[in-house]
């Protein structure tokens, strides 16, 4: 199946504890049907849904879910 200039294959890198890295530019269609776009050469898509800039990753997945240690 041939690809047009706007339909070339994209590389996606999946990371176990991180975002999906997608070669850009990209258009992302959200659950509510809205579309967001990025012209960057590579974008990080959030998979943990902790990002304040969802669907773009803001590295919130790096935060520890463990409670802070108690001080005596």
N, C-alpha and C. Protein backbone atom coordinates (compact mmCIF):
# COMPACT_ATOMS: atom_id res chain seq x y z
N UNK A 1 0.84 -1.16 0.00
CA UNK A 1 0.00 0.00 0.00
C UNK A 1 0.90 1.24 0.00
N UNK A 2 0.87 2.05 -1.03
CA UNK A 2 1.74 3.23 -1.09
C UNK A 2 1.26 4.31 -0.14
N UNK A 3 2.23 5.09 0.33
CA UNK A 3 1.94 6.18 1.25
C UNK A 3 2.13 7.50 0.55
N UNK A 4 1.24 8.46 0.80
CA UNK A 4 1.38 9.80 0.28
C UNK A 4 2.31 10.60 1.18
N UNK A 5 2.60 11.85 0.83
CA UNK A 5 3.54 12.65 1.63
C UNK A 5 3.09 12.85 3.08
N UNK A 6 1.79 12.89 3.34
CA UNK A 6 1.29 13.06 4.70
C UNK A 6 0.93 11.74 5.35
N UNK A 7 1.18 10.63 4.66
CA UNK A 7 0.79 9.32 5.16
C UNK A 7 1.98 8.37 5.28
N UNK A 8 3.16 8.93 5.51
CA UNK A 8 4.33 8.06 5.62
C UNK A 8 4.29 7.30 6.94
N UNK A 9 5.01 6.21 6.99
CA UNK A 9 5.07 5.41 8.21
C UNK A 9 5.70 6.22 9.33
N UNK A 10 5.22 6.02 10.53
CA UNK A 10 5.77 6.68 11.71
C UNK A 10 6.39 5.62 12.61
N UNK A 11 7.48 5.98 13.24
CA UNK A 11 8.10 5.07 14.20
C UNK A 11 7.56 5.42 15.59
N UNK A 12 7.15 4.39 16.35
CA UNK A 12 6.68 4.56 17.71
C UNK A 12 7.55 3.68 18.60
N UNK A 13 8.10 4.28 19.64
CA UNK A 13 8.93 3.54 20.59
C UNK A 13 8.15 3.42 21.89
N UNK A 14 7.87 2.18 22.30
CA UNK A 14 7.15 1.92 23.55
C UNK A 14 8.15 1.66 24.66
N UNK A 15 7.93 2.32 25.79
CA UNK A 15 8.79 2.14 26.95
C UNK A 15 7.97 1.58 28.09
N UNK A 16 8.53 0.65 28.81
CA UNK A 16 7.79 -0.03 29.87
C UNK A 16 7.26 0.94 30.92
N UNK A 17 8.08 1.85 31.39
CA UNK A 17 7.66 2.76 32.46
C UNK A 17 7.72 4.21 32.00
N UNK A 18 7.24 4.44 30.81
CA UNK A 18 7.30 5.80 30.30
C UNK A 18 6.33 6.03 29.17
N UNK A 19 6.53 7.12 28.46
CA UNK A 19 5.61 7.49 27.39
C UNK A 19 5.87 6.71 26.10
N UNK A 20 4.95 6.86 25.15
CA UNK A 20 5.17 6.39 23.79
C UNK A 20 5.88 7.52 23.06
N UNK A 21 7.01 7.24 22.46
CA UNK A 21 7.73 8.23 21.68
C UNK A 21 7.33 8.05 20.22
N UNK A 22 6.82 9.11 19.60
CA UNK A 22 6.29 9.04 18.24
C UNK A 22 7.02 10.06 17.37
N UNK A 23 7.50 9.62 16.22
CA UNK A 23 8.09 10.56 15.27
C UNK A 23 7.01 11.49 14.77
N UNK A 24 7.29 12.77 14.79
CA UNK A 24 6.30 13.77 14.38
C UNK A 24 6.53 14.23 12.97
N UNK A 25 5.74 15.15 12.51
CA UNK A 25 4.61 15.77 13.20
C UNK A 25 3.44 14.79 13.32
N UNK A 26 2.58 15.05 14.32
CA UNK A 26 1.47 14.14 14.57
C UNK A 26 0.18 14.90 14.87
N UNK A 27 -0.93 14.25 14.59
CA UNK A 27 -2.26 14.68 15.01
C UNK A 27 -2.77 13.57 15.92
N UNK A 28 -3.27 13.92 17.09
CA UNK A 28 -3.79 12.94 18.04
C UNK A 28 -5.27 13.23 18.26
N UNK A 29 -6.11 12.23 18.03
CA UNK A 29 -7.54 12.37 18.27
C UNK A 29 -7.84 11.84 19.67
N UNK A 30 -8.43 12.70 20.50
CA UNK A 30 -8.74 12.34 21.88
C UNK A 30 -10.09 11.63 21.98
N UNK A 31 -10.39 11.10 23.15
CA UNK A 31 -11.64 10.35 23.36
C UNK A 31 -12.89 11.15 23.01
N UNK A 32 -12.84 12.47 23.26
CA UNK A 32 -14.01 13.30 23.00
C UNK A 32 -14.11 13.76 21.54
N UNK A 33 -13.19 13.28 20.71
CA UNK A 33 -13.22 13.60 19.28
C UNK A 33 -12.40 14.81 18.88
N UNK A 34 -11.89 15.57 19.86
CA UNK A 34 -11.05 16.71 19.51
C UNK A 34 -9.68 16.22 19.04
N UNK A 35 -9.04 17.03 18.22
CA UNK A 35 -7.73 16.68 17.70
C UNK A 35 -6.72 17.71 18.17
N UNK A 36 -5.58 17.23 18.67
CA UNK A 36 -4.47 18.10 19.03
C UNK A 36 -3.31 17.75 18.12
N UNK A 37 -2.47 18.75 17.82
CA UNK A 37 -1.39 18.55 16.86
C UNK A 37 -0.06 19.00 17.43
N UNK A 38 0.99 18.40 16.93
CA UNK A 38 2.35 18.82 17.26
C UNK A 38 3.19 18.75 15.99
N UNK A 39 3.98 19.77 15.76
CA UNK A 39 4.89 19.80 14.61
C UNK A 39 6.31 19.39 14.98
N UNK A 40 6.51 18.98 16.23
CA UNK A 40 7.84 18.57 16.68
C UNK A 40 8.30 17.32 15.94
N UNK A 41 9.62 17.11 15.86
CA UNK A 41 10.16 15.94 15.16
C UNK A 41 9.94 14.65 15.94
N UNK A 42 9.72 14.76 17.26
CA UNK A 42 9.43 13.61 18.10
C UNK A 42 8.57 14.09 19.26
N UNK A 43 7.50 13.37 19.56
CA UNK A 43 6.63 13.73 20.68
C UNK A 43 6.53 12.55 21.63
N UNK A 44 6.29 12.87 22.90
CA UNK A 44 6.10 11.84 23.92
C UNK A 44 4.64 11.86 24.32
N UNK A 45 3.95 10.75 24.07
CA UNK A 45 2.54 10.63 24.42
C UNK A 45 2.41 9.93 25.77
N UNK A 46 1.66 10.55 26.67
CA UNK A 46 1.46 10.03 28.02
C UNK A 46 0.65 8.73 27.98
N UNK A 47 1.11 7.73 28.73
CA UNK A 47 0.36 6.48 28.84
C UNK A 47 -0.13 6.24 30.26
N UNK A 48 0.34 7.06 31.23
CA UNK A 48 -0.06 6.86 32.63
C UNK A 48 -1.23 7.75 33.03
N UNK A 49 -1.54 8.74 32.20
CA UNK A 49 -2.63 9.71 32.44
C UNK A 49 -2.40 10.61 33.65
N UNK A 50 -1.15 10.73 34.10
CA UNK A 50 -0.83 11.64 35.20
C UNK A 50 -0.44 13.03 34.68
N UNK A 51 -0.17 13.13 33.41
CA UNK A 51 0.34 14.37 32.83
C UNK A 51 -0.66 15.51 32.93
N UNK A 52 -0.17 16.67 33.32
CA UNK A 52 -1.02 17.87 33.34
C UNK A 52 -1.23 18.42 31.94
N UNK A 53 -0.42 17.94 30.99
CA UNK A 53 -0.52 18.40 29.60
C UNK A 53 -0.99 17.27 28.68
N UNK A 54 -1.76 16.31 29.23
CA UNK A 54 -2.24 15.15 28.47
C UNK A 54 -2.87 15.60 27.16
N UNK A 55 -2.58 14.98 26.03
CA UNK A 55 -1.94 13.68 25.86
C UNK A 55 -0.42 13.74 25.81
N UNK A 56 0.17 14.92 25.91
CA UNK A 56 1.62 15.04 25.88
C UNK A 56 2.19 14.68 27.25
N UNK A 57 3.29 14.00 27.27
CA UNK A 57 3.93 13.58 28.51
C UNK A 57 4.66 14.77 29.14
N UNK A 58 4.52 14.93 30.45
CA UNK A 58 5.28 15.96 31.18
C UNK A 58 6.18 15.32 32.24
N UNK A 59 6.47 14.06 32.09
CA UNK A 59 7.31 13.22 32.97
C UNK A 59 6.69 12.98 34.34
N UNK A 60 5.40 13.15 34.48
CA UNK A 60 4.73 12.87 35.75
C UNK A 60 4.87 11.41 36.15
N UNK A 61 5.11 10.52 35.19
CA UNK A 61 5.26 9.09 35.49
C UNK A 61 6.48 8.85 36.37
N UNK A 62 7.38 9.80 36.44
CA UNK A 62 8.59 9.65 37.26
C UNK A 62 8.34 9.86 38.74
N UNK A 63 7.23 10.50 39.08
CA UNK A 63 6.92 10.75 40.50
C UNK A 63 6.70 9.44 41.23
N UNK A 64 7.17 9.38 42.41
CA UNK A 64 7.01 8.17 43.23
C UNK A 64 5.62 8.15 43.84
N UNK A 65 5.01 6.99 43.85
CA UNK A 65 3.70 6.82 44.48
C UNK A 65 3.83 6.43 45.95
N UNK A 66 5.07 6.34 46.42
CA UNK A 66 5.29 5.94 47.81
C UNK A 66 5.15 7.14 48.72
N UNK A 67 4.56 6.95 49.91
CA UNK A 67 4.44 8.06 50.86
C UNK A 67 5.81 8.49 51.35
N UNK A 68 5.93 9.76 51.71
CA UNK A 68 7.19 10.28 52.23
C UNK A 68 7.48 9.63 53.57
N UNK A 69 8.76 9.40 53.90
CA UNK A 69 9.11 8.79 55.18
C UNK A 69 8.77 9.72 56.34
N UNK A 70 8.40 9.13 57.46
CA UNK A 70 8.06 9.90 58.67
C UNK A 70 9.34 10.37 59.34
N UNK A 71 9.32 11.60 59.80
CA UNK A 71 10.46 12.12 60.57
C UNK A 71 10.14 12.01 62.04
N UNK A 72 11.12 11.59 62.83
CA UNK A 72 10.93 11.45 64.27
C UNK A 72 11.35 12.68 65.00
